[in-house]
PDB file of N, CA and C in Angstrom:
ATOM      1  N   UNK A   1       0.848  -1.175   0.000  1.00  0.00           N
ATOM      2  CA  UNK A   1       0.000   0.000   0.000  1.00  0.00           C
ATOM      3  C   UNK A   1       0.892   1.235   0.000  1.00  0.00           C
ATOM      4  N   UNK A   2       0.494   2.225  -0.769  1.00  0.00           N
ATOM      5  CA  UNK A   2       1.204   3.501  -0.825  1.00  0.00           C
ATOM      6  C   UNK A   2       0.641   4.444   0.239  1.00  0.00           C
ATOM      7  N   UNK A   3       1.512   5.241   0.814  1.00  0.00           N
ATOM      8  CA  UNK A   3       1.117   6.212   1.831  1.00  0.00           C
ATOM      9  C   UNK A   3       0.288   7.327   1.188  1.00  0.00           C
ATOM     10  N   UNK A   4      -0.871   7.646   1.759  1.00  0.00           N
ATOM     11  CA  UNK A   4      -1.680   8.747   1.247  1.00  0.00           C
ATOM     12  C   UNK A   4      -1.000  10.110   1.370  1.00  0.00           C
ATOM     13  N   UNK A   5      -0.074  10.237   2.302  1.00  0.00           N
ATOM     14  CA  UNK A   5       0.575  11.516   2.534  1.00  0.00           C
ATOM     15  C   UNK A   5       1.786  11.775   1.662  1.00  0.00           C
ATOM     16  N   UNK A   6       2.632  10.732   1.466  1.00  0.00           N
ATOM     17  CA  UNK A   6       3.884  10.956   0.739  1.00  0.00           C
ATOM     18  C   UNK A   6       4.124   9.964  -0.395  1.00  0.00           C
ATOM     19  N   UNK A   7       3.222   8.999  -0.579  1.00  0.00           N
ATOM     20  CA  UNK A   7       3.271   8.007  -1.655  1.00  0.00           C
ATOM     21  C   UNK A   7       4.397   6.984  -1.519  1.00  0.00           C
ATOM     22  N   UNK A   8       5.073   6.932  -0.374  1.00  0.00           N
ATOM     23  CA  UNK A   8       6.064   5.882  -0.141  1.00  0.00           C
ATOM     24  C   UNK A   8       5.349   4.597   0.260  1.00  0.00           C
ATOM     25  N   UNK A   9       6.054   3.465   0.165  1.00  0.00           N
ATOM     26  CA  UNK A   9       5.470   2.187   0.571  1.00  0.00           C
ATOM     27  C   UNK A   9       5.288   2.136   2.077  1.00  0.00           C
ATOM     28  N   UNK A  10       4.112   1.682   2.497  1.00  0.00           N
ATOM     29  CA  UNK A  10       3.815   1.540   3.916  1.00  0.00           C
ATOM     30  C   UNK A  10       4.179   0.124   4.357  1.00  0.00           C
ATOM     31  N   UNK A  11       4.359  -0.055   5.651  1.00  0.00           N
ATOM     32  CA  UNK A  11       4.617  -1.375   6.221  1.00  0.00           C
ATOM     33  C   UNK A  11       3.487  -1.715   7.176  1.00  0.00           C
ATOM     34  N   UNK A  12       3.211  -3.012   7.309  1.00  0.00           N
ATOM     35  CA  UNK A  12       2.182  -3.442   8.255  1.00  0.00           C
ATOM     36  C   UNK A  12       2.830  -3.791   9.577  1.00  0.00           C
ATOM     37  N   UNK A  13       2.229  -3.270  10.640  1.00  0.00           N
ATOM     38  CA  UNK A  13       2.688  -3.530  11.999  1.00  0.00           C
ATOM     39  C   UNK A  13       1.497  -4.088  12.763  1.00  0.00           C
ATOM     40  N   UNK A  14       1.708  -5.157  13.516  1.00  0.00           N
ATOM     41  CA  UNK A  14       0.618  -5.723  14.304  1.00  0.00           C
ATOM     42  C   UNK A  14       0.755  -5.284  15.757  1.00  0.00           C
ATOM     43  N   UNK A  15      -0.292  -4.659  16.266  1.00  0.00           N
ATOM     44  CA  UNK A  15      -0.334  -4.205  17.656  1.00  0.00           C
ATOM     45  C   UNK A  15      -1.569  -4.820  18.294  1.00  0.00           C
ATOM     46  N   UNK A  16      -1.353  -5.733  19.220  1.00  0.00           N
ATOM     47  CA  UNK A  16      -2.430  -6.441  19.910  1.00  0.00           C
ATOM     48  C   UNK A  16      -3.488  -6.947  18.929  1.00  0.00           C
ATOM     49  N   UNK A  17      -3.050  -7.680  17.939  1.00  0.00           N
ATOM     50  CA  UNK A  17      -3.867  -8.337  16.913  1.00  0.00           C
ATOM     51  C   UNK A  17      -4.559  -7.377  15.935  1.00  0.00           C
ATOM     52  N   UNK A  18      -4.193  -6.106  15.951  1.00  0.00           N
ATOM     53  CA  UNK A  18      -4.712  -5.138  14.980  1.00  0.00           C
ATOM     54  C   UNK A  18      -3.585  -4.828  14.003  1.00  0.00           C
ATOM     55  N   UNK A  19      -3.847  -5.037  12.700  1.00  0.00           N
ATOM     56  CA  UNK A  19      -2.846  -4.732  11.687  1.00  0.00           C
ATOM     57  C   UNK A  19      -2.936  -3.257  11.307  1.00  0.00           C
ATOM     58  N   UNK A  20      -1.851  -2.545  11.522  1.00  0.00           N
ATOM     59  CA  UNK A  20      -1.776  -1.116  11.265  1.00  0.00           C
ATOM     60  C   UNK A  20      -0.850  -0.892  10.077  1.00  0.00           C
ATOM     61  N   UNK A  21      -1.243  -0.038   9.159  1.00  0.00           N
ATOM     62  CA  UNK A  21      -0.375   0.354   8.050  1.00  0.00           C
ATOM     63  C   UNK A  21       0.299   1.663   8.440  1.00  0.00           C
ATOM     64  N   UNK A  22       1.636   1.629   8.459  1.00  0.00           N
ATOM     65  CA  UNK A  22       2.400   2.800   8.891  1.00  0.00           C
ATOM     66  C   UNK A  22       3.471   3.128   7.869  1.00  0.00           C
ATOM     67  N   UNK A  23       3.667   4.412   7.618  1.00  0.00           N
ATOM     68  CA  UNK A  23       4.672   4.859   6.664  1.00  0.00           C
ATOM     69  C   UNK A  23       5.994   5.104   7.394  1.00  0.00           C
ATOM     70  N   UNK A  24       7.045   4.372   7.024  1.00  0.00           N
ATOM     71  CA  UNK A  24       8.333   4.605   7.674  1.00  0.00           C
ATOM     72  C   UNK A  24       8.975   5.934   7.272  1.00  0.00           C
ATOM     73  N   UNK A  25       8.529   6.511   6.159  1.00  0.00           N
ATOM     74  CA  UNK A  25       9.110   7.768   5.683  1.00  0.00           C
ATOM     75  C   UNK A  25       8.540   8.987   6.421  1.00  0.00           C
ATOM     76  N   UNK A  26       7.207   9.100   6.492  1.00  0.00           N
ATOM     77  CA  UNK A  26       6.599  10.296   7.093  1.00  0.00           C
ATOM     78  C   UNK A  26       5.913  10.018   8.431  1.00  0.00           C
ATOM     79  N   UNK A  27       5.769   8.746   8.804  1.00  0.00           N
ATOM     80  CA  UNK A  27       5.131   8.406  10.072  1.00  0.00           C
ATOM     81  C   UNK A  27       3.616   8.386  10.022  1.00  0.00           C
ATOM     82  N   UNK A  28       3.033   8.529   8.831  1.00  0.00           N
ATOM     83  CA  UNK A  28       1.581   8.494   8.698  1.00  0.00           C
ATOM     84  C   UNK A  28       1.017   7.116   9.009  1.00  0.00           C
ATOM     85  N   UNK A  29      -0.247   7.085   9.418  1.00  0.00           N
ATOM     86  CA  UNK A  29      -0.936   5.848   9.794  1.00  0.00           C
ATOM     87  C   UNK A  29      -2.225   5.740   8.989  1.00  0.00           C
ATOM     88  N   UNK A  30      -2.477   4.566   8.395  1.00  0.00           N
ATOM     89  CA  UNK A  30      -3.737   4.290   7.716  1.00  0.00           C
ATOM     90  C   UNK A  30      -4.485   3.251   8.527  1.00  0.00           C
ATOM     91  N   UNK A  31      -5.740   3.553   8.818  1.00  0.00           N
ATOM     92  CA  UNK A  31      -6.594   2.620   9.536  1.00  0.00           C
ATOM     93  C   UNK A  31      -7.756   2.224   8.642  1.00  0.00           C
ATOM     94  N   UNK A  32      -7.988   0.927   8.538  1.00  0.00           N
ATOM     95  CA  UNK A  32      -9.123   0.432   7.789  1.00  0.00           C
ATOM     96  C   UNK A  32     -10.390   0.624   8.601  1.00  0.00           C
ATOM     97  N   UNK A  33     -11.513   0.522   7.936  1.00  0.00           N
ATOM     98  CA  UNK A  33     -12.812   0.686   8.595  1.00  0.00           C
ATOM     99  C   UNK A  33     -12.894  -0.238   9.821  1.00  0.00           C
ATOM    100  N   UNK A  34     -13.258   0.313  10.967  1.00  0.00           N
ATOM    101  CA  UNK A  34     -13.409  -0.451  12.199  1.00  0.00           C
ATOM    102  C   UNK A  34     -12.185  -0.475  13.095  1.00  0.00           C
ATOM    103  N   UNK A  35     -11.006  -0.237  12.538  1.00  0.00           N
ATOM    104  CA  UNK A  35      -9.790  -0.282  13.357  1.00  0.00           C
ATOM    105  C   UNK A  35      -9.719   0.872  14.349  1.00  0.00           C
ATOM    106  N   UNK A  36     -10.293   2.003  14.015  1.00  0.00           N
ATOM    107  CA  UNK A  36     -10.266   3.157  14.922  1.00  0.00           C
ATOM    108  C   UNK A  36     -10.958   2.825  16.235  1.00  0.00           C
ATOM    109  N   UNK A  37     -12.105   2.149  16.161  1.00  0.00           N
ATOM    110  CA  UNK A  37     -12.840   1.783  17.373  1.00  0.00           C
ATOM    111  C   UNK A  37     -12.028   0.839  18.243  1.00  0.00           C
ATOM    112  N   UNK A  38     -11.380  -0.145  17.631  1.00  0.00           N
ATOM    113  CA  UNK A  38     -10.572  -1.103  18.390  1.00  0.00           C
ATOM    114  C   UNK A  38      -9.403  -0.410  19.069  1.00  0.00           C
ATOM    115  N   UNK A  39      -8.773   0.518  18.371  1.00  0.00           N
ATOM    116  CA  UNK A  39      -7.642   1.261  18.936  1.00  0.00           C
ATOM    117  C   UNK A  39      -8.101   2.120  20.110  1.00  0.00           C
ATOM    118  N   UNK A  40      -9.254   2.754  19.967  1.00  0.00           N
ATOM    119  CA  UNK A  40      -9.790   3.598  21.037  1.00  0.00           C
ATOM    120  C   UNK A  40     -10.110   2.773  22.280  1.00  0.00           C
ATOM    121  N   UNK A  41     -10.770   1.632  22.086  1.00  0.00           N
ATOM    122  CA  UNK A  41     -11.138   0.765  23.210  1.00  0.00           C
ATOM    123  C   UNK A  41      -9.892   0.285  23.953  1.00  0.00           C
ATOM    124  N   UNK A  42      -8.848  -0.077  23.210  1.00  0.00           N
ATOM    125  CA  UNK A  42      -7.628  -0.597  23.823  1.00  0.00           C
ATOM    126  C   UNK A  42      -6.662   0.501  24.266  1.00  0.00           C
ATOM    127  N   UNK A  43      -6.952   1.753  23.899  1.00  0.00           N
ATOM    128  CA  UNK A  43      -6.075   2.865  24.274  1.00  0.00           C
ATOM    129  C   UNK A  43      -4.696   2.773  23.643  1.00  0.00           C
ATOM    130  N   UNK A  44      -4.632   2.441  22.356  1.00  0.00           N
ATOM    131  CA  UNK A  44      -3.361   2.166  21.698  1.00  0.00           C
ATOM    132  C   UNK A  44      -2.791   3.317  20.874  1.00  0.00           C
ATOM    133  N   UNK A  45      -3.459   4.443  20.794  1.00  0.00           N
ATOM    134  CA  UNK A  45      -2.968   5.547  19.956  1.00  0.00           C
ATOM    135  C   UNK A  45      -1.530   5.904  20.277  1.00  0.00           C
ATOM    136  N   UNK A  46      -1.237   6.064  21.543  1.00  0.00           N
ATOM    137  CA  UNK A  46       0.095   6.454  21.993  1.00  0.00           C
ATOM    138  C   UNK A  46       1.123   5.382  21.628  1.00  0.00           C
ATOM    139  N   UNK A  47       0.749   4.121  21.778  1.00  0.00           N
ATOM    140  CA  UNK A  47       1.657   3.009  21.479  1.00  0.00           C
ATOM    141  C   UNK A  47       1.952   2.939  19.984  1.00  0.00           C
ATOM    142  N   UNK A  48       0.927   3.088  19.155  1.00  0.00           N
ATOM    143  CA  UNK A  48       1.087   2.967  17.713  1.00  0.00           C
ATOM    144  C   UNK A  48       2.024   4.026  17.159  1.00  0.00           C
ATOM    145  N   UNK A  49       1.893   5.258  17.623  1.00  0.00           N
ATOM    146  CA  UNK A  49       2.722   6.348  17.122  1.00  0.00           C
ATOM    147  C   UNK A  49       3.974   6.582  17.956  1.00  0.00           C
ATOM    148  N   UNK A  50       4.102   5.931  19.052  1.00  0.00           N
ATOM    149  CA  UNK A  50       5.264   6.130  19.897  1.00  0.00           C
ATOM    150  C   UNK A  50       5.252   7.444  20.647  1.00  0.00           C
ATOM    151  N   UNK A  51       4.046   8.036  20.811  1.00  0.00           N
ATOM    152  CA  UNK A  51       3.919   9.265  21.584  1.00  0.00           C
ATOM    153  C   UNK A  51       4.462  10.498  20.904  1.00  0.00           C
ATOM    154  N   UNK A  52       4.493  10.500  19.596  1.00  0.00           N
ATOM    155  CA  UNK A  52       5.020  11.637  18.854  1.00  0.00           C
ATOM    156  C   UNK A  52       3.969  12.730  18.772  1.00  0.00           C
ATOM    157  N   UNK A  53       4.351  13.940  19.077  1.00  0.00           N
ATOM    158  CA  UNK A  53       3.411  15.067  19.052  1.00  0.00           C
ATOM    159  C   UNK A  53       3.167  15.544  17.633  1.00  0.00           C
ATOM    160  N   UNK A  54       2.036  16.185  17.421  1.00  0.00           N
ATOM    161  CA  UNK A  54       1.714  16.769  16.119  1.00  0.00           C
ATOM    162  C   UNK A  54       2.798  17.778  15.761  1.00  0.00           C
ATOM    163  N   UNK A  55       3.234  17.738  14.514  1.00  0.00           N
ATOM    164  CA  UNK A  55       4.258  18.669  14.053  1.00  0.00           C
ATOM    165  C   UNK A  55       5.669  18.198  14.335  1.00  0.00           C
ATOM    166  N   UNK A  56       5.828  17.039  14.956  1.00  0.00           N
ATOM    167  CA  UNK A  56       7.163  16.554  15.285  1.00  0.00           C
ATOM    168  C   UNK A  56       7.816  15.805  14.139  1.00  0.00           C
ATOM    169  N   UNK A  57       7.092  15.588  13.052  1.00  0.00           N
ATOM    170  CA  UNK A  57       7.663  14.885  11.913  1.00  0.00           C
ATOM    171  C   UNK A  57       8.781  15.723  11.315  1.00  0.00           C
ATOM    172  N   UNK A  58       9.785  15.025  10.783  1.00  0.00           N
ATOM    173  CA  UNK A  58      10.853  15.771  10.138  1.00  0.00           C
ATOM    174  C   UNK A  58      10.316  16.396   8.861  1.00  0.00           C
ATOM    175  N   UNK A  59      10.678  17.608   8.601  1.00  0.00           N
ATOM    176  CA  UNK A  59      10.191  18.290   7.412  1.00  0.00           C
ATOM    177  C   UNK A  59       8.973  19.133   7.717  1.00  0.00           C
ATOM    178  N   UNK A  60       8.434  19.703   6.670  1.00  0.00           N
ATOM    179  CA  UNK A  60       7.281  20.591   6.789  1.00  0.00           C
ATOM    180  C   UNK A  60       5.983  19.797   6.803  1.00  0.00           C
ATOM    181  N   UNK A  61       4.915  20.361   7.385  1.00  0.00           N
ATOM    182  CA  UNK A  61       3.609  19.698   7.347  1.00  0.00           C
ATOM    183  C   UNK A  61       3.139  19.545   5.905  1.00  0.00           C
ATOM    184  N   UNK A  62       2.364  18.531   5.649  1.00  0.00           N
ATOM    185  CA  UNK A  62       1.832  18.255   4.309  1.00  0.00           C
ATOM    186  C   UNK A  62       0.880  19.372   3.896  1.00  0.00           C
ATOM    187  N   UNK A  63       1.038  19.860   2.680  1.00  0.00           N
ATOM    188  CA  UNK A  63       0.184  20.940   2.189  1.00  0.00           C
ATOM    189  C   UNK A  63      -0.728  20.477   1.055  1.00  0.00           C
ATOM    190  N   UNK A  64      -0.574  19.244   0.615  1.00  0.00           N
ATOM    191  CA  UNK A  64      -1.407  18.703  -0.458  1.00  0.00           C
ATOM    192  C   UNK A  64      -2.451  17.760   0.120  1.00  0.00           C
ATOM    193  N   UNK A  65      -3.458  17.444  -0.663  1.00  0.00           N
ATOM    194  CA  UNK A  65      -4.483  16.490  -0.227  1.00  0.00           C
ATOM    195  C   UNK A  65      -3.874  15.107  -0.081  1.00  0.00           C
ATOM    196  N   UNK A  66      -4.347  14.368   0.902  1.00  0.00           N
ATOM    197  CA  UNK A  66      -3.958  12.966   1.019  1.00  0.00           C
ATOM    198  C   UNK A  66      -4.641  12.213  -0.121  1.00  0.00           C
ATOM    199  N   UNK A  67      -3.998  11.189  -0.619  1.00  0.00           N
ATOM    200  CA  UNK A  67      -4.513  10.441  -1.766  1.00  0.00           C
ATOM    201  C   UNK A  67      -4.676   8.981  -1.404  1.00  0.00           C
ATOM    202  N   UNK A  68      -5.890   8.459  -1.556  1.00  0.00           N
ATOM    203  CA  UNK A  68      -6.126   7.027  -1.352  1.00  0.00           C
ATOM    204  C   UNK A  68      -5.698   6.322  -2.634  1.00  0.00           C
ATOM    205  N   UNK A  69      -4.596   5.608  -2.568  1.00  0.00           N
ATOM    206  CA  UNK A  69      -4.074   4.939  -3.757  1.00  0.00           C
ATOM    207  C   UNK A  69      -4.865   3.681  -4.081  1.00  0.00           C
ATOM    208  N   UNK A  70      -5.573   3.115  -3.100  1.00  0.00           N
ATOM    209  CA  UNK A  70      -6.419   1.942  -3.352  1.00  0.00           C
ATOM    210  C   UNK A  70      -7.624   2.327  -4.206  1.00  0.00           C
ATOM    211  N   UNK A  71      -8.203   3.496  -3.940  1.00  0.00           N
ATOM    212  CA  UNK A  71      -9.391   3.964  -4.669  1.00  0.00           C
ATOM    213  C   UNK A  71      -9.042   4.960  -5.773  1.00  0.00           C
ATOM    214  N   UNK A  72      -7.790   5.402  -5.808  1.00  0.00           N
ATOM    215  CA  UNK A  72      -7.319   6.383  -6.773  1.00  0.00           C
ATOM    216  C   UNK A  72      -8.146   7.672  -6.726  1.00  0.00           C
ATOM    217  N   UNK A  73      -8.284   8.226  -5.514  1.00  0.00           N
ATOM    218  CA  UNK A  73      -9.009   9.490  -5.339  1.00  0.00           C
ATOM    219  C   UNK A  73      -8.432  10.253  -4.157  1.00  0.00           C
ATOM    220  N   UNK A  74      -8.653  11.569  -4.183  1.00  0.00           N
ATOM    221  CA  UNK A  74      -8.228  12.392  -3.052  1.00  0.00           C
ATOM    222  C   UNK A  74      -9.099  12.078  -1.848  1.00  0.00           C
ATOM    223  N   UNK A  75      -8.482  12.107  -0.673  1.00  0.00           N
ATOM    224  CA  UNK A  75      -9.214  11.880   0.565  1.00  0.00           C
ATOM    225  C   UNK A  75      -9.812  13.213   1.033  1.00  0.00           C
ATOM    226  N   UNK A  76     -10.814  13.124   1.877  1.00  0.00           N
ATOM    227  CA  UNK A  76     -11.517  14.296   2.388  1.00  0.00           C
ATOM    228  C   UNK A  76     -10.935  14.662   3.751  1.00  0.00           C
ATOM    229  N   UNK A  77     -10.527  15.919   3.893  1.00  0.00           N
ATOM    230  CA  UNK A  77      -9.991  16.394   5.167  1.00  0.00           C
ATOM    231  C   UNK A  77     -11.139  16.622   6.138  1.00  0.00           C
ATOM    232  N   UNK A  78     -11.027  16.031   7.324  1.00  0.00           N
ATOM    233  CA  UNK A  78     -12.032  16.174   8.376  1.00  0.00           C
ATOM    234  C   UNK A  78     -11.380  16.730   9.628  1.00  0.00           C
ATOM    235  N   UNK A  79     -12.180  17.337  10.487  1.00  0.00           N
ATOM    236  CA  UNK A  79     -11.688  17.814  11.784  1.00  0.00           C
ATOM    237  C   UNK A  79     -12.403  17.041  12.874  1.00  0.00           C
ATOM    238  N   UNK A  80     -11.613  16.517  13.806  1.00  0.00           N
ATOM    239  CA  UNK A  80     -12.171  15.745  14.905  1.00  0.00           C
ATOM    240  C   UNK A  80     -12.032  16.484  16.217  1.00  0.00           C
ATOM    241  N   UNK A  81     -12.150  15.751  17.284  1.00  0.00           N
ATOM    242  CA  UNK A  81     -12.034  16.305  18.628  1.00  0.00           C
ATOM    243  C   UNK A  81     -10.725  17.082  18.767  1.00  0.00           C
ATOM    244  N   UNK A  82     -10.790  18.195  19.439  1.00  0.00           N
ATOM    245  CA  UNK A  82      -9.604  19.011  19.646  1.00  0.00           C
ATOM    246  C   UNK A  82      -9.122  19.697  18.386  1.00  0.00           C
ATOM    247  N   UNK A  83      -9.995  19.768  17.365  1.00  0.00           N
ATOM    248  CA  UNK A  83      -9.674  20.415  16.096  1.00  0.00           C
ATOM    249  C   UNK A  83      -8.530  19.715  15.362  1.00  0.00           C
ATOM    250  N   UNK A  84      -8.367  18.401  15.602  1.00  0.00           N
ATOM    251  CA  UNK A  84      -7.340  17.605  14.931  1.00  0.00           C
ATOM    252  C   UNK A  84      -7.830  17.269  13.531  1.00  0.00           C
ATOM    253  N   UNK A  85      -7.004  17.545  12.528  1.00  0.00           N
ATOM    254  CA  UNK A  85      -7.382  17.244  11.149  1.00  0.00           C
ATOM    255  C   UNK A  85      -6.848  15.865  10.764  1.00  0.00           C
ATOM    256  N   UNK A  86      -7.676  15.083  10.107  1.00  0.00           N
ATOM    257  CA  UNK A  86      -7.269  13.798   9.553  1.00  0.00           C
ATOM    258  C   UNK A  86      -8.015  13.619   8.243  1.00  0.00           C
ATOM    259  N   UNK A  87      -7.722  12.558   7.509  1.00  0.00           N
ATOM    260  CA  UNK A  87      -8.269  12.395   6.167  1.00  0.00           C
ATOM    261  C   UNK A  87      -9.065  11.100   6.061  1.00  0.00           C
ATOM    262  N   UNK A  88     -10.132  11.141   5.259  1.00  0.00           N
ATOM    263  CA  UNK A  88     -11.047  10.011   5.108  1.00  0.00           C
ATOM    264  C   UNK A  88     -11.325   9.771   3.634  1.00  0.00           C
ATOM    265  N   UNK A  89     -11.325   8.496   3.238  1.00  0.00           N
ATOM    266  CA  UNK A  89     -11.663   8.130   1.865  1.00  0.00           C
ATOM    267  C   UNK A  89     -13.124   7.711   1.836  1.00  0.00           C
ATOM    268  N   UNK A  90     -13.934   8.391   1.029  1.00  0.00           N
ATOM    269  CA  UNK A  90     -15.348   8.042   0.962  1.00  0.00           C
ATOM    270  C   UNK A  90     -15.598   6.806   0.092  1.00  0.00           C
ATOM    271  N   UNK A  91     -14.558   6.263  -0.517  1.00  0.00           N
ATOM    272  CA  UNK A  91     -14.696   5.039  -1.297  1.00  0.00           C
ATOM    273  C   UNK A  91     -14.543   3.797  -0.429  1.00  0.00           C
ATOM    274  N   UNK A  92     -13.409   3.677   0.247  1.00  0.00           N
ATOM    275  CA  UNK A  92     -13.130   2.478   1.057  1.00  0.00           C
ATOM    276  C   UNK A  92     -13.249   2.738   2.554  1.00  0.00           C
ATOM    277  N   UNK A  93     -13.480   3.983   2.934  1.00  0.00           N
ATOM    278  CA  UNK A  93     -13.665   4.413   4.322  1.00  0.00           C
ATOM    279  C   UNK A  93     -12.412   4.253   5.190  1.00  0.00           C
ATOM    280  N   UNK A  94     -11.246   4.270   4.541  1.00  0.00           N
ATOM    281  CA  UNK A  94      -9.997   4.273   5.306  1.00  0.00           C
ATOM    282  C   UNK A  94      -9.771   5.661   5.881  1.00  0.00           C
ATOM    283  N   UNK A  95      -9.064   5.701   6.998  1.00  0.00           N
ATOM    284  CA  UNK A  95      -8.655   6.957   7.624  1.00  0.00           C
ATOM    285  C   UNK A  95      -7.150   7.090   7.511  1.00  0.00           C
ATOM    286  N   UNK A  96      -6.682   8.306   7.291  1.00  0.00           N
ATOM    287  CA  UNK A  96      -5.243   8.574   7.273  1.00  0.00           C
ATOM    288  C   UNK A  96      -4.932   9.661   8.290  1.00  0.00           C
ATOM    289  N   UNK A  97      -3.960   9.367   9.143  1.00  0.00           N
ATOM    290  CA  UNK A  97      -3.503  10.319  10.152  1.00  0.00           C
ATOM    291  C   UNK A  97      -2.046  10.657   9.860  1.00  0.00           C
ATOM    292  N   UNK A  98      -1.753  11.943   9.696  1.00  0.00           N
ATOM    293  CA  UNK A  98      -0.358  12.357   9.603  1.00  0.00           C
ATOM    294  C   UNK A  98       0.290  12.073  10.951  1.00  0.00           C
ATOM    295  N   UNK A  99       1.598  12.041  10.958  1.00  0.00           N
ATOM    296  CA  UNK A  99       2.346  11.736  12.178  1.00  0.00           C
ATOM    297  C   UNK A  99       1.896  12.640  13.329  1.00  0.00           C
ATOM    298  N   UNK A 100       1.517  12.026  14.449  1.00  0.00           N
ATOM    299  CA  UNK A 100       1.121  12.752  15.651  1.00  0.00           C
ATOM    300  C   UNK A 100      -0.369  12.993  15.790  1.00  0.00           C
ATOM    301  N   UNK A 101      -1.120  12.930  14.696  1.00  0.00           N
ATOM    302  CA  UNK A 101      -2.551  13.240  14.763  1.00  0.00           C
ATOM    303  C   UNK A 101      -3.343  12.180  15.523  1.00  0.00           C
ATOM    304  N   UNK A 102      -3.004  10.922  15.360  1.00  0.00           N
ATOM    305  CA  UNK A 102      -3.730   9.855  16.059  1.00  0.00           C
ATOM    306  C   UNK A 102      -3.525   9.963  17.565  1.00  0.00           C
ATOM    307  N   UNK A 103      -2.302  10.209  17.995  1.00  0.00           N
ATOM    308  CA  UNK A 103      -2.010  10.378  19.420  1.00  0.00           C
ATOM    309  C   UNK A 103      -2.733  11.600  19.983  1.00  0.00           C
ATOM    310  N   UNK A 104      -2.695  12.697  19.238  1.00  0.00           N
ATOM    311  CA  UNK A 104      -3.350  13.929  19.702  1.00  0.00           C
ATOM    312  C   UNK A 104      -4.856  13.727  19.819  1.00  0.00           C
ATOM    313  N   UNK A 105      -5.446  13.063  18.847  1.00  0.00           N
ATOM    314  CA  UNK A 105      -6.889  12.803  18.881  1.00  0.00           C
ATOM    315  C   UNK A 105      -7.225  11.898  20.060  1.00  0.00           C
ATOM    316  N   UNK A 106      -6.431  10.858  20.264  1.00  0.00           N
ATOM    317  CA  UNK A 106      -6.655   9.940  21.387  1.00  0.00           C
ATOM    318  C   UNK A 106      -6.528  10.633  22.725  1.00  0.00           C
ATOM    319  N   UNK A 107      -5.561  11.526  22.863  1.00  0.00           N
ATOM    320  CA  UNK A 107      -5.363  12.257  24.121  1.00  0.00           C
ATOM    321  C   UNK A 107      -6.545  13.167  24.396  1.00  0.00           C
ATOM    322  N   UNK A 108      -7.084  13.799  23.371  1.00  0.00           N
ATOM    323  CA  UNK A 108      -8.220  14.687  23.556  1.00  0.00           C
ATOM    324  C   UNK A 108      -9.458  13.901  23.935  1.00  0.00           C
ATOM    325  N   UNK A 109      -9.688  12.774  23.279  1.00  0.00           N
ATOM    326  CA  UNK A 109     -10.870  11.952  23.554  1.00  0.00           C
ATOM    327  C   UNK A 109     -10.799  11.354  24.953  1.00  0.00           C
ATOM    328  N   UNK A 110      -9.593  10.952  25.392  1.00  0.00           N
ATOM    329  CA  UNK A 110      -9.426  10.348  26.708  1.00  0.00           C
ATOM    330  C   UNK A 110      -9.561  11.359  27.842  1.00  0.00           C
ATOM    331  N   UNK A 111      -9.286  12.631  27.551  1.00  0.00           N
ATOM    332  CA  UNK A 111      -9.264  13.654  28.602  1.00  0.00           C
ATOM    333  C   UNK A 111     -10.630  13.965  29.159  1.00  0.00           C
TER     334      UNK A 111
END
């Protein structure tokens, strides 16, 4: 799978029986439909991203639309709790979080 943020190849990481797609280049995370709920219930946001804060990625923040390479379409930017922006594909319903966004969203929801 290609990263929606930078188009590099993603790797699959298994965390407590949940397969997570993570980009080793930019630190982005792709979650398939239903994985967000499992991560929230288990409190794994911090573990998956390693506690990296928003904006801590090397380089500048992404200024282009995230692209779902599975559906070949631009993803829709959404704002969640705490005004955290993440991206959603209306074709396959995958979510894409830039580095730090999943942890930030989880911290806000848990608070």
